[in-house]
Amino acid sequence: MTDAALGMRAHSGWAVVVVVAGPSSAPAAVDRRRIEIADPDITGSTQPYHAAAELDVRKAERFIERCAHNSSLLAERAVRAVVDDLKERGHKVLCGGILLGSGRPLPRLATILSSHALIHTAEGELFRGALTEAVERCGVQVKGVRERELWARGVEDLSRPLDELQRYVAEMGRPIGAPWRQDEKHAALVAWLTLADASGR
């Protein structure tokens, strides 16, 4: 079995997952997919805080809790499918990496719902939280890396100059084809960082 790691970048209601495998010194991207993590049966679930802003606080809280719970279940189902598929292909998922936001603590719900900027921040946290819970329930250790620190962490932890690292990550997508945009590149790099950490390198 070849060691592998998941890398994830969340959006509103969906996420990009990239899997890298092989030696941590020079891993290859072996899978890339988009997973849906918002319940289509719940109106407003792709932007739950936006939808909750139209409700009173108690109803808003229940609505957000329901959306978060269902997103976590959907994410777990999707992540488990990735892990099982990789196992069939000879890869063992050691760990997962997820890109994080600023990490600032959120205020009370009423305050969030009164601020458009905080609504967006809270939604990001909700979907990243759903992914994190999903990976952990699949028995895989997950580690978060703040996106704004991603390339600096890569340079430091992987001991490569920035331009070399960027070229390598750009080329990682070639074997699995397009799309290989910023979403996929960042997911691949956080997966690589997590694989290197798990491998002790």
N, C-alpha and C. Protein backbone atom coordinates (compact mmCIF):
# COMPACT_ATOMS: atom_id res chain seq x y z
N MET A 1 0.84 -1.19 0.00
CA MET A 1 0.00 0.00 0.00
C MET A 1 0.88 1.25 0.00
N THR A 2 0.52 2.19 -0.83
CA THR A 2 1.25 3.46 -0.91
C THR A 2 0.62 4.47 0.03
N ASP A 3 1.44 5.16 0.79
CA ASP A 3 0.93 6.19 1.70
C ASP A 3 0.30 7.33 0.91
N ALA A 4 -0.82 7.83 1.42
CA ALA A 4 -1.53 8.91 0.74
C ALA A 4 -2.10 9.88 1.76
N ALA A 5 -2.41 11.09 1.28
CA ALA A 5 -3.01 12.11 2.15
C ALA A 5 -4.07 12.87 1.36
N LEU A 6 -5.11 13.29 2.07
CA LEU A 6 -6.16 14.10 1.49
C LEU A 6 -5.83 15.58 1.69
N GLY A 7 -6.19 16.39 0.71
CA GLY A 7 -6.11 17.84 0.86
C GLY A 7 -7.46 18.43 0.49
N MET A 8 -7.98 19.36 1.29
CA MET A 8 -9.34 19.85 1.07
C MET A 8 -9.40 21.37 1.15
N ARG A 9 -10.17 21.94 0.21
CA ARG A 9 -10.45 23.38 0.24
C ARG A 9 -11.96 23.55 0.13
N ALA A 10 -12.55 24.13 1.14
CA ALA A 10 -14.01 24.24 1.22
C ALA A 10 -14.52 25.51 0.58
N HIS A 11 -15.73 25.40 0.03
CA HIS A 11 -16.49 26.53 -0.48
C HIS A 11 -17.89 26.46 0.14
N SER A 12 -18.78 27.33 -0.30
CA SER A 12 -20.15 27.32 0.23
C SER A 12 -20.93 26.15 -0.36
N GLY A 13 -21.01 25.08 0.41
CA GLY A 13 -21.79 23.93 0.01
C GLY A 13 -21.04 22.86 -0.76
N TRP A 14 -19.78 23.09 -1.04
CA TRP A 14 -18.99 22.07 -1.76
C TRP A 14 -17.52 22.23 -1.40
N ALA A 15 -16.73 21.26 -1.81
CA ALA A 15 -15.30 21.31 -1.52
C ALA A 15 -14.53 20.59 -2.61
N VAL A 16 -13.30 21.00 -2.78
CA VAL A 16 -12.36 20.29 -3.66
C VAL A 16 -11.52 19.37 -2.79
N VAL A 17 -11.37 18.13 -3.23
CA VAL A 17 -10.52 17.17 -2.54
C VAL A 17 -9.45 16.69 -3.52
N VAL A 18 -8.20 16.80 -3.12
CA VAL A 18 -7.09 16.29 -3.92
C VAL A 18 -6.34 15.29 -3.05
N VAL A 19 -5.95 14.18 -3.66
CA VAL A 19 -5.20 13.15 -2.95
C VAL A 19 -3.80 13.08 -3.54
N VAL A 20 -2.80 13.13 -2.67
CA VAL A 20 -1.42 12.92 -3.11
C VAL A 20 -0.91 11.64 -2.46
N ALA A 21 -0.03 10.95 -3.17
CA ALA A 21 0.47 9.67 -2.68
C ALA A 21 1.91 9.48 -3.11
N GLY A 22 2.60 8.60 -2.37
CA GLY A 22 3.98 8.31 -2.69
C GLY A 22 4.92 8.83 -1.62
N PRO A 23 6.20 8.88 -1.93
CA PRO A 23 7.16 9.39 -0.93
C PRO A 23 6.91 10.87 -0.67
N SER A 24 7.04 11.28 0.56
CA SER A 24 6.76 12.67 0.90
C SER A 24 7.76 13.64 0.27
N SER A 25 8.89 13.13 -0.18
CA SER A 25 9.87 13.98 -0.85
C SER A 25 9.43 14.35 -2.26
N ALA A 26 8.60 13.50 -2.86
CA ALA A 26 8.15 13.76 -4.24
C ALA A 26 6.84 13.03 -4.51
N PRO A 27 5.75 13.47 -3.87
CA PRO A 27 4.47 12.78 -4.07
C PRO A 27 3.83 13.14 -5.40
N ALA A 28 2.86 12.32 -5.78
CA ALA A 28 2.11 12.57 -7.01
C ALA A 28 0.63 12.74 -6.68
N ALA A 29 -0.06 13.55 -7.45
CA ALA A 29 -1.51 13.68 -7.30
C ALA A 29 -2.15 12.47 -7.98
N VAL A 30 -2.99 11.74 -7.24
CA VAL A 30 -3.57 10.52 -7.77
C VAL A 30 -5.10 10.59 -7.88
N ASP A 31 -5.70 11.63 -7.33
CA ASP A 31 -7.15 11.77 -7.39
C ASP A 31 -7.51 13.23 -7.17
N ARG A 32 -8.60 13.63 -7.81
CA ARG A 32 -9.12 14.97 -7.63
C ARG A 32 -10.61 14.90 -7.86
N ARG A 33 -11.37 15.48 -6.95
CA ARG A 33 -12.82 15.47 -7.14
C ARG A 33 -13.48 16.62 -6.37
N ARG A 34 -14.68 16.94 -6.82
CA ARG A 34 -15.52 17.92 -6.12
C ARG A 34 -16.56 17.13 -5.35
N ILE A 35 -16.75 17.50 -4.09
CA ILE A 35 -17.78 16.83 -3.29
C ILE A 35 -18.80 17.86 -2.84
N GLU A 36 -20.05 17.45 -2.81
CA GLU A 36 -21.14 18.32 -2.38
C GLU A 36 -21.39 18.10 -0.89
N ILE A 37 -21.41 19.19 -0.13
CA ILE A 37 -21.55 19.06 1.32
C ILE A 37 -22.67 19.95 1.88
N ALA A 38 -23.61 20.30 1.02
CA ALA A 38 -24.82 21.00 1.47
C ALA A 38 -26.02 20.15 1.08
N ASP A 39 -26.96 20.01 1.99
CA ASP A 39 -28.13 19.16 1.77
C ASP A 39 -29.08 19.82 0.78
N PRO A 40 -29.27 19.23 -0.40
CA PRO A 40 -30.16 19.84 -1.40
C PRO A 40 -31.62 19.87 -0.97
N ASP A 41 -31.97 19.09 0.05
CA ASP A 41 -33.36 19.08 0.54
C ASP A 41 -33.65 20.22 1.51
N ILE A 42 -32.63 20.96 1.88
CA ILE A 42 -32.81 22.11 2.79
C ILE A 42 -32.60 23.39 1.99
N THR A 43 -33.65 24.14 1.79
CA THR A 43 -33.53 25.41 1.08
C THR A 43 -32.62 26.35 1.84
N GLY A 44 -31.63 26.88 1.14
CA GLY A 44 -30.68 27.80 1.78
C GLY A 44 -29.47 27.14 2.38
N SER A 45 -29.33 25.83 2.23
CA SER A 45 -28.24 25.12 2.90
C SER A 45 -26.86 25.44 2.33
N THR A 46 -26.77 25.94 1.10
CA THR A 46 -25.46 26.29 0.56
C THR A 46 -24.92 27.58 1.18
N GLN A 47 -25.81 28.42 1.68
CA GLN A 47 -25.42 29.64 2.40
C GLN A 47 -26.30 29.77 3.64
N PRO A 48 -26.09 28.89 4.61
CA PRO A 48 -27.02 28.80 5.74
C PRO A 48 -27.12 30.05 6.59
N TYR A 49 -26.04 30.77 6.77
CA TYR A 49 -26.12 31.99 7.58
C TYR A 49 -26.85 33.10 6.84
N HIS A 50 -26.70 33.14 5.53
CA HIS A 50 -27.48 34.09 4.74
C HIS A 50 -28.97 33.81 4.91
N ALA A 51 -29.33 32.51 4.81
CA ALA A 51 -30.73 32.14 4.96
C ALA A 51 -31.23 32.41 6.38
N ALA A 52 -30.37 32.15 7.36
CA ALA A 52 -30.75 32.33 8.76
C ALA A 52 -30.95 33.79 9.12
N ALA A 53 -30.34 34.69 8.37
CA ALA A 53 -30.47 36.12 8.66
C ALA A 53 -31.91 36.61 8.51
N GLU A 54 -32.73 35.83 7.79
CA GLU A 54 -34.14 36.20 7.61
C GLU A 54 -35.03 35.68 8.74
N LEU A 55 -34.44 34.94 9.69
CA LEU A 55 -35.21 34.31 10.76
C LEU A 55 -34.92 34.98 12.10
N ASP A 56 -35.79 34.71 13.09
CA ASP A 56 -35.44 35.17 14.43
C ASP A 56 -34.31 34.29 14.97
N VAL A 57 -33.66 34.74 16.02
CA VAL A 57 -32.42 34.11 16.46
C VAL A 57 -32.61 32.64 16.83
N ARG A 58 -33.70 32.31 17.52
CA ARG A 58 -33.91 30.91 17.91
C ARG A 58 -34.10 30.00 16.71
N LYS A 59 -34.93 30.44 15.77
CA LYS A 59 -35.13 29.64 14.55
C LYS A 59 -33.84 29.58 13.74
N ALA A 60 -33.12 30.68 13.72
CA ALA A 60 -31.85 30.73 12.99
C ALA A 60 -30.86 29.71 13.56
N GLU A 61 -30.80 29.64 14.88
CA GLU A 61 -29.89 28.70 15.53
C GLU A 61 -30.23 27.26 15.18
N ARG A 62 -31.52 26.92 15.23
CA ARG A 62 -31.94 25.55 14.89
C ARG A 62 -31.66 25.25 13.43
N PHE A 63 -31.91 26.23 12.56
CA PHE A 63 -31.67 26.03 11.12
C PHE A 63 -30.18 25.78 10.85
N ILE A 64 -29.34 26.57 11.45
CA ILE A 64 -27.90 26.42 11.23
C ILE A 64 -27.40 25.09 11.78
N GLU A 65 -27.89 24.70 12.95
CA GLU A 65 -27.50 23.40 13.52
C GLU A 65 -27.90 22.26 12.60
N ARG A 66 -29.11 22.34 12.02
CA ARG A 66 -29.56 21.31 11.10
C ARG A 66 -28.68 21.26 9.85
N CYS A 67 -28.38 22.42 9.31
CA CYS A 67 -27.53 22.48 8.12
C CYS A 67 -26.14 21.92 8.41
N ALA A 68 -25.57 22.30 9.55
CA ALA A 68 -24.23 21.84 9.92
C ALA A 68 -24.21 20.32 10.10
N HIS A 69 -25.23 19.79 10.76
CA HIS A 69 -25.31 18.35 10.99
C HIS A 69 -25.39 17.59 9.67
N ASN A 70 -26.27 18.03 8.77
CA ASN A 70 -26.43 17.34 7.50
C ASN A 70 -25.20 17.50 6.62
N SER A 71 -24.57 18.65 6.68
CA SER A 71 -23.34 18.84 5.90
C SER A 71 -22.25 17.89 6.38
N SER A 72 -22.17 17.70 7.68
CA SER A 72 -21.18 16.79 8.23
C SER A 72 -21.42 15.35 7.77
N LEU A 73 -22.69 14.94 7.73
CA LEU A 73 -23.03 13.59 7.27
C LEU A 73 -22.71 13.41 5.79
N LEU A 74 -23.06 14.42 4.99
CA LEU A 74 -22.76 14.35 3.56
C LEU A 74 -21.25 14.32 3.32
N ALA A 75 -20.52 15.12 4.06
CA ALA A 75 -19.07 15.15 3.91
C ALA A 75 -18.46 13.80 4.30
N GLU A 76 -18.98 13.20 5.38
CA GLU A 76 -18.46 11.90 5.81
C GLU A 76 -18.69 10.85 4.73
N ARG A 77 -19.87 10.85 4.16
CA ARG A 77 -20.17 9.88 3.10
C ARG A 77 -19.21 10.07 1.92
N ALA A 78 -18.97 11.31 1.54
CA ALA A 78 -18.10 11.59 0.40
C ALA A 78 -16.64 11.23 0.70
N VAL A 79 -16.18 11.59 1.90
CA VAL A 79 -14.79 11.29 2.27
C VAL A 79 -14.58 9.79 2.38
N ARG A 80 -15.56 9.10 2.96
CA ARG A 80 -15.43 7.65 3.09
C ARG A 80 -15.34 6.98 1.71
N ALA A 81 -16.09 7.51 0.76
CA ALA A 81 -16.04 6.98 -0.60
C ALA A 81 -14.66 7.18 -1.21
N VAL A 82 -14.05 8.33 -0.94
CA VAL A 82 -12.69 8.59 -1.43
C VAL A 82 -11.71 7.61 -0.80
N VAL A 83 -11.79 7.46 0.51
CA VAL A 83 -10.86 6.58 1.23
C VAL A 83 -11.00 5.14 0.75
N ASP A 84 -12.24 4.67 0.59
CA ASP A 84 -12.48 3.30 0.14
C ASP A 84 -11.99 3.09 -1.29
N ASP A 85 -12.21 4.08 -2.14
CA ASP A 85 -11.76 3.99 -3.53
C ASP A 85 -10.24 3.92 -3.59
N LEU A 86 -9.59 4.74 -2.78
CA LEU A 86 -8.13 4.73 -2.77
C LEU A 86 -7.58 3.40 -2.27
N LYS A 87 -8.24 2.82 -1.28
CA LYS A 87 -7.79 1.52 -0.76
C LYS A 87 -7.84 0.46 -1.84
N GLU A 88 -8.90 0.48 -2.63
CA GLU A 88 -9.03 -0.48 -3.73
C GLU A 88 -7.92 -0.29 -4.77
N ARG A 89 -7.42 0.93 -4.87
CA ARG A 89 -6.37 1.24 -5.84
C ARG A 89 -4.96 1.12 -5.24
N GLY A 90 -4.88 0.61 -4.00
CA GLY A 90 -3.58 0.36 -3.40
C GLY A 90 -2.98 1.51 -2.61
N HIS A 91 -3.82 2.44 -2.17
CA HIS A 91 -3.35 3.58 -1.39
C HIS A 91 -3.94 3.55 0.02
N LYS A 92 -3.13 3.83 0.99
CA LYS A 92 -3.59 3.92 2.38
C LYS A 92 -3.57 5.39 2.80
N VAL A 93 -4.74 5.92 3.16
CA VAL A 93 -4.82 7.32 3.57
C VAL A 93 -4.33 7.45 5.01
N LEU A 94 -3.20 8.11 5.18
CA LEU A 94 -2.62 8.31 6.50
C LEU A 94 -3.20 9.51 7.23
N CYS A 95 -3.58 10.54 6.46
CA CYS A 95 -3.90 11.80 7.08
C CYS A 95 -4.65 12.69 6.10
N GLY A 96 -5.14 13.79 6.62
CA GLY A 96 -5.83 14.76 5.78
C GLY A 96 -5.45 16.17 6.19
N GLY A 97 -5.42 17.07 5.22
CA GLY A 97 -5.14 18.46 5.50
C GLY A 97 -6.28 19.32 4.99
N ILE A 98 -6.62 20.35 5.73
CA ILE A 98 -7.70 21.25 5.32
C ILE A 98 -7.22 22.69 5.43
N LEU A 99 -7.58 23.48 4.44
CA LEU A 99 -7.22 24.89 4.44
C LEU A 99 -8.18 25.66 5.34
N LEU A 100 -7.61 26.49 6.19
CA LEU A 100 -8.39 27.24 7.17
C LEU A 100 -8.44 28.72 6.82
N GLY A 101 -9.40 29.40 7.45
CA GLY A 101 -9.50 30.85 7.33
C GLY A 101 -8.58 31.51 8.34
N SER A 102 -8.98 32.69 8.78
CA SER A 102 -8.13 33.47 9.68
C SER A 102 -8.03 32.87 11.08
N GLY A 103 -9.03 32.10 11.46
CA GLY A 103 -9.00 31.48 12.78
C GLY A 103 -9.50 32.36 13.91
N ARG A 104 -10.02 33.52 13.56
CA ARG A 104 -10.55 34.41 14.61
C ARG A 104 -11.83 33.83 15.18
N PRO A 105 -12.01 33.89 16.50
CA PRO A 105 -13.24 33.35 17.10
C PRO A 105 -14.45 34.16 16.66
N LEU A 106 -15.55 33.46 16.44
CA LEU A 106 -16.79 34.12 16.01
C LEU A 106 -17.57 34.63 17.22
N PRO A 107 -18.25 35.75 17.05
CA PRO A 107 -19.08 36.27 18.14
C PRO A 107 -20.41 35.51 18.24
N ARG A 108 -21.32 36.00 19.06
CA ARG A 108 -22.63 35.39 19.21
C ARG A 108 -23.39 35.44 17.88
N LEU A 109 -24.35 34.52 17.75
CA LEU A 109 -25.09 34.38 16.50
C LEU A 109 -25.76 35.69 16.08
N ALA A 110 -26.38 36.38 17.02
CA ALA A 110 -27.08 37.62 16.68
C ALA A 110 -26.12 38.63 16.05
N THR A 111 -24.91 38.67 16.57
CA THR A 111 -23.90 39.59 16.02
C THR A 111 -23.47 39.15 14.63
N ILE A 112 -23.31 37.86 14.45
CA ILE A 112 -22.93 37.33 13.13
C ILE A 112 -23.99 37.72 12.10
N LEU A 113 -25.23 37.50 12.43
CA LEU A 113 -26.31 37.71 11.47
C LEU A 113 -26.54 39.17 11.13
N SER A 114 -25.96 40.06 11.91
CA SER A 114 -26.11 41.49 11.63
C SER A 114 -24.96 42.03 10.78
N SER A 115 -24.01 41.17 10.44
CA SER A 115 -22.83 41.59 9.67
C SER A 115 -22.63 40.70 8.46
N HIS A 116 -22.67 41.30 7.26
CA HIS A 116 -22.50 40.50 6.04
C HIS A 116 -21.12 39.83 6.01
N ALA A 117 -20.11 40.54 6.44
CA ALA A 117 -18.76 39.97 6.45
C ALA A 117 -18.67 38.78 7.40
N LEU A 118 -19.28 38.90 8.59
CA LEU A 118 -19.25 37.79 9.55
C LEU A 118 -20.08 36.61 9.07
N ILE A 119 -21.15 36.87 8.33
CA ILE A 119 -21.95 35.79 7.75
C ILE A 119 -21.08 34.94 6.83
N HIS A 120 -20.31 35.58 5.98
CA HIS A 120 -19.42 34.82 5.08
C HIS A 120 -18.36 34.05 5.87
N THR A 121 -17.80 34.69 6.88
CA THR A 121 -16.80 34.02 7.70
C THR A 121 -17.38 32.79 8.40
N ALA A 122 -18.58 32.96 8.96
CA ALA A 122 -19.22 31.86 9.68
C ALA A 122 -19.55 30.70 8.76
N GLU A 123 -19.98 31.00 7.54
CA GLU A 123 -20.27 29.93 6.59
C GLU A 123 -19.02 29.14 6.24
N GLY A 124 -17.92 29.85 6.06
CA GLY A 124 -16.66 29.15 5.81
C GLY A 124 -16.30 28.22 6.95
N GLU A 125 -16.47 28.70 8.17
CA GLU A 125 -16.17 27.88 9.34
C GLU A 125 -17.09 26.66 9.42
N LEU A 126 -18.35 26.85 9.08
CA LEU A 126 -19.31 25.74 9.13
C LEU A 126 -18.89 24.61 8.20
N PHE A 127 -18.57 24.95 6.96
CA PHE A 127 -18.23 23.90 6.00
C PHE A 127 -16.86 23.29 6.26
N ARG A 128 -15.92 24.09 6.73
CA ARG A 128 -14.62 23.52 7.11
C ARG A 128 -14.78 22.60 8.31
N GLY A 129 -15.65 22.99 9.24
CA GLY A 129 -15.91 22.13 10.40
C GLY A 129 -16.55 20.81 10.00
N ALA A 130 -17.47 20.87 9.04
CA ALA A 130 -18.12 19.64 8.56
C ALA A 130 -17.09 18.70 7.95
N LEU A 131 -16.17 19.24 7.16
CA LEU A 131 -15.13 18.41 6.55
C LEU A 131 -14.20 17.81 7.59
N THR A 132 -13.82 18.62 8.56
CA THR A 132 -12.93 18.14 9.61
C THR A 132 -13.56 16.99 10.38
N GLU A 133 -14.81 17.15 10.79
CA GLU A 133 -15.52 16.09 11.50
C GLU A 133 -15.63 14.84 10.64
N ALA A 134 -15.89 15.02 9.36
CA ALA A 134 -16.05 13.89 8.45
C ALA A 134 -14.77 13.06 8.36
N VAL A 135 -13.66 13.73 8.19
CA VAL A 135 -12.38 13.03 8.07
C VAL A 135 -12.06 12.29 9.36
N GLU A 136 -12.29 12.93 10.49
CA GLU A 136 -12.01 12.28 11.77
C GLU A 136 -12.89 11.06 11.98
N ARG A 137 -14.16 11.13 11.57
CA ARG A 137 -15.04 9.98 11.73
C ARG A 137 -14.67 8.83 10.80
N CYS A 138 -13.92 9.13 9.77
CA CYS A 138 -13.41 8.08 8.88
C CYS A 138 -12.11 7.47 9.42
N GLY A 139 -11.72 7.89 10.62
CA GLY A 139 -10.53 7.32 11.25
C GLY A 139 -9.23 7.89 10.72
N VAL A 140 -9.30 9.08 10.13
CA VAL A 140 -8.11 9.69 9.54
C VAL A 140 -7.79 10.97 10.32
N GLN A 141 -6.54 11.11 10.70
CA GLN A 141 -6.11 12.31 11.42
C GLN A 141 -6.12 13.51 10.47
N VAL A 142 -6.65 14.63 10.93
CA VAL A 142 -6.74 15.81 10.06
C VAL A 142 -6.01 16.98 10.70
N LYS A 143 -5.38 17.77 9.85
CA LYS A 143 -4.60 18.91 10.31
C LYS A 143 -4.99 20.13 9.49
N GLY A 144 -5.15 21.27 10.14
CA GLY A 144 -5.51 22.49 9.45
C GLY A 144 -4.31 23.40 9.22
N VAL A 145 -4.30 24.07 8.07
CA VAL A 145 -3.26 25.05 7.76
C VAL A 145 -3.96 26.31 7.26
N ARG A 146 -3.63 27.45 7.85
CA ARG A 146 -4.23 28.69 7.39
C ARG A 146 -3.80 28.97 5.95
N GLU A 147 -4.77 29.27 5.11
CA GLU A 147 -4.47 29.42 3.69
C GLU A 147 -3.47 30.53 3.42
N ARG A 148 -3.54 31.61 4.16
CA ARG A 148 -2.62 32.73 3.91
C ARG A 148 -1.18 32.37 4.27
N GLU A 149 -1.00 31.29 5.03
CA GLU A 149 0.34 30.85 5.43
C GLU A 149 0.81 29.63 4.63
N LEU A 150 0.01 29.19 3.67
CA LEU A 150 0.24 27.90 3.02
C LEU A 150 1.60 27.83 2.32
N TRP A 151 1.89 28.78 1.45
CA TRP A 151 3.13 28.69 0.68
C TRP A 151 4.36 28.88 1.58
N ALA A 152 4.24 29.76 2.56
CA ALA A 152 5.36 29.94 3.49
C ALA A 152 5.63 28.65 4.27
N ARG A 153 4.55 27.99 4.68
CA ARG A 153 4.70 26.70 5.36
C ARG A 153 5.34 25.67 4.44
N GLY A 154 4.93 25.69 3.18
CA GLY A 154 5.51 24.76 2.22
C GLY A 154 7.00 24.94 2.06
N VAL A 155 7.41 26.20 1.93
CA VAL A 155 8.84 26.50 1.79
C VAL A 155 9.62 26.01 3.01
N GLU A 156 9.07 26.27 4.19
CA GLU A 156 9.77 25.90 5.43
C GLU A 156 9.76 24.40 5.67
N ASP A 157 8.56 23.80 5.61
CA ASP A 157 8.44 22.39 6.00
C ASP A 157 8.98 21.43 4.94
N LEU A 158 8.90 21.82 3.67
CA LEU A 158 9.34 20.93 2.59
C LEU A 158 10.74 21.27 2.09
N SER A 159 11.31 22.33 2.65
CA SER A 159 12.69 22.74 2.34
C SER A 159 12.92 22.92 0.84
N ARG A 160 12.01 23.69 0.24
CA ARG A 160 12.14 24.00 -1.19
C ARG A 160 11.96 25.49 -1.40
N PRO A 161 12.70 26.08 -2.34
CA PRO A 161 12.46 27.49 -2.67
C PRO A 161 11.05 27.67 -3.22
N LEU A 162 10.49 28.86 -3.04
CA LEU A 162 9.12 29.11 -3.45
C LEU A 162 8.88 28.84 -4.93
N ASP A 163 9.76 29.33 -5.80
CA ASP A 163 9.53 29.14 -7.23
C ASP A 163 9.57 27.66 -7.62
N GLU A 164 10.46 26.91 -7.00
CA GLU A 164 10.54 25.46 -7.28
C GLU A 164 9.29 24.75 -6.77
N LEU A 165 8.84 25.15 -5.59
CA LEU A 165 7.65 24.54 -5.00
C LEU A 165 6.43 24.82 -5.87
N GLN A 166 6.28 26.05 -6.32
CA GLN A 166 5.14 26.41 -7.16
C GLN A 166 5.15 25.64 -8.48
N ARG A 167 6.32 25.48 -9.07
CA ARG A 167 6.42 24.70 -10.32
C ARG A 167 6.03 23.24 -10.08
N TYR A 168 6.52 22.68 -8.99
CA TYR A 168 6.22 21.28 -8.70
C TYR A 168 4.73 21.07 -8.51
N VAL A 169 4.10 21.93 -7.72
CA VAL A 169 2.66 21.80 -7.46
C VAL A 169 1.87 21.99 -8.75
N ALA A 170 2.29 22.92 -9.60
CA ALA A 170 1.61 23.13 -10.88
C ALA A 170 1.69 21.88 -11.76
N GLU A 171 2.83 21.21 -11.72
CA GLU A 171 3.01 20.01 -12.55
C GLU A 171 2.33 18.78 -11.96
N MET A 172 2.02 18.80 -10.66
CA MET A 172 1.40 17.63 -10.02
C MET A 172 0.07 17.28 -10.68
N GLY A 173 -0.62 18.28 -11.21
CA GLY A 173 -1.93 18.02 -11.79
C GLY A 173 -1.90 17.42 -13.18
N ARG A 174 -0.75 17.42 -13.82
CA ARG A 174 -0.68 16.96 -15.21
C ARG A 174 -1.18 15.52 -15.39
N PRO A 175 -0.77 14.56 -14.54
CA PRO A 175 -1.22 13.17 -14.76
C PRO A 175 -2.74 12.97 -14.65
N ILE A 176 -3.42 13.79 -13.84
CA ILE A 176 -4.86 13.59 -13.69
C ILE A 176 -5.68 14.58 -14.49
N GLY A 177 -5.01 15.52 -15.15
CA GLY A 177 -5.70 16.41 -16.08
C GLY A 177 -6.45 17.56 -15.43
N ALA A 178 -7.04 18.36 -16.30
CA ALA A 178 -7.80 19.54 -15.84
C ALA A 178 -9.10 19.11 -15.15
N PRO A 179 -9.64 19.97 -14.28
CA PRO A 179 -9.11 21.28 -13.91
C PRO A 179 -7.99 21.18 -12.87
N TRP A 180 -7.05 22.12 -12.95
CA TRP A 180 -5.98 22.22 -11.96
C TRP A 180 -5.74 23.70 -11.67
N ARG A 181 -6.73 24.25 -10.98
CA ARG A 181 -6.73 25.68 -10.68
C ARG A 181 -6.17 25.92 -9.28
N GLN A 182 -6.36 27.12 -8.77
CA GLN A 182 -5.86 27.42 -7.44
C GLN A 182 -6.46 26.49 -6.39
N ASP A 183 -7.75 26.17 -6.54
CA ASP A 183 -8.39 25.24 -5.60
C ASP A 183 -7.59 23.95 -5.49
N GLU A 184 -7.33 23.36 -6.65
CA GLU A 184 -6.64 22.06 -6.68
C GLU A 184 -5.20 22.18 -6.22
N LYS A 185 -4.53 23.23 -6.63
CA LYS A 185 -3.12 23.42 -6.24
C LYS A 185 -2.99 23.58 -4.73
N HIS A 186 -3.85 24.39 -4.16
CA HIS A 186 -3.77 24.60 -2.71
C HIS A 186 -4.15 23.33 -1.94
N ALA A 187 -5.14 22.61 -2.44
CA ALA A 187 -5.52 21.34 -1.79
C ALA A 187 -4.38 20.33 -1.89
N ALA A 188 -3.70 20.30 -3.04
CA ALA A 188 -2.57 19.38 -3.22
C ALA A 188 -1.44 19.73 -2.26
N LEU A 189 -1.16 21.02 -2.11
CA LEU A 189 -0.05 21.42 -1.24
C LEU A 189 -0.35 21.13 0.22
N VAL A 190 -1.58 21.38 0.67
CA VAL A 190 -1.89 21.07 2.07
C VAL A 190 -1.87 19.56 2.30
N ALA A 191 -2.25 18.79 1.30
CA ALA A 191 -2.13 17.33 1.41
C ALA A 191 -0.67 16.91 1.52
N TRP A 192 0.18 17.51 0.70
CA TRP A 192 1.61 17.21 0.72
C TRP A 192 2.22 17.54 2.08
N LEU A 193 1.89 18.72 2.60
CA LEU A 193 2.40 19.11 3.92
C LEU A 193 1.99 18.11 4.99
N THR A 194 0.75 17.67 4.92
CA THR A 194 0.23 16.72 5.91
C THR A 194 0.91 15.36 5.76
N LEU A 195 1.13 14.94 4.51
CA LEU A 195 1.82 13.67 4.26
C LEU A 195 3.25 13.73 4.78
N ALA A 196 3.93 14.84 4.53
CA ALA A 196 5.31 14.97 5.01
C ALA A 196 5.37 14.94 6.54
N ASP A 197 4.40 15.60 7.18
CA ASP A 197 4.35 15.60 8.64
C ASP A 197 4.10 14.21 9.18
N ALA A 198 3.17 13.48 8.55
CA ALA A 198 2.85 12.12 9.01
C ALA A 198 4.00 11.16 8.80
N SER A 199 4.80 11.44 7.76
CA SER A 199 5.94 10.57 7.45
C SER A 199 7.17 10.92 8.26
N GLY A 200 7.10 12.03 9.02
CA GLY A 200 8.22 12.44 9.83
C GLY A 200 9.34 13.08 9.05
N ARG A 201 8.97 13.67 7.88
CA ARG A 201 9.99 14.30 7.05
C ARG A 201 9.66 15.76 6.83
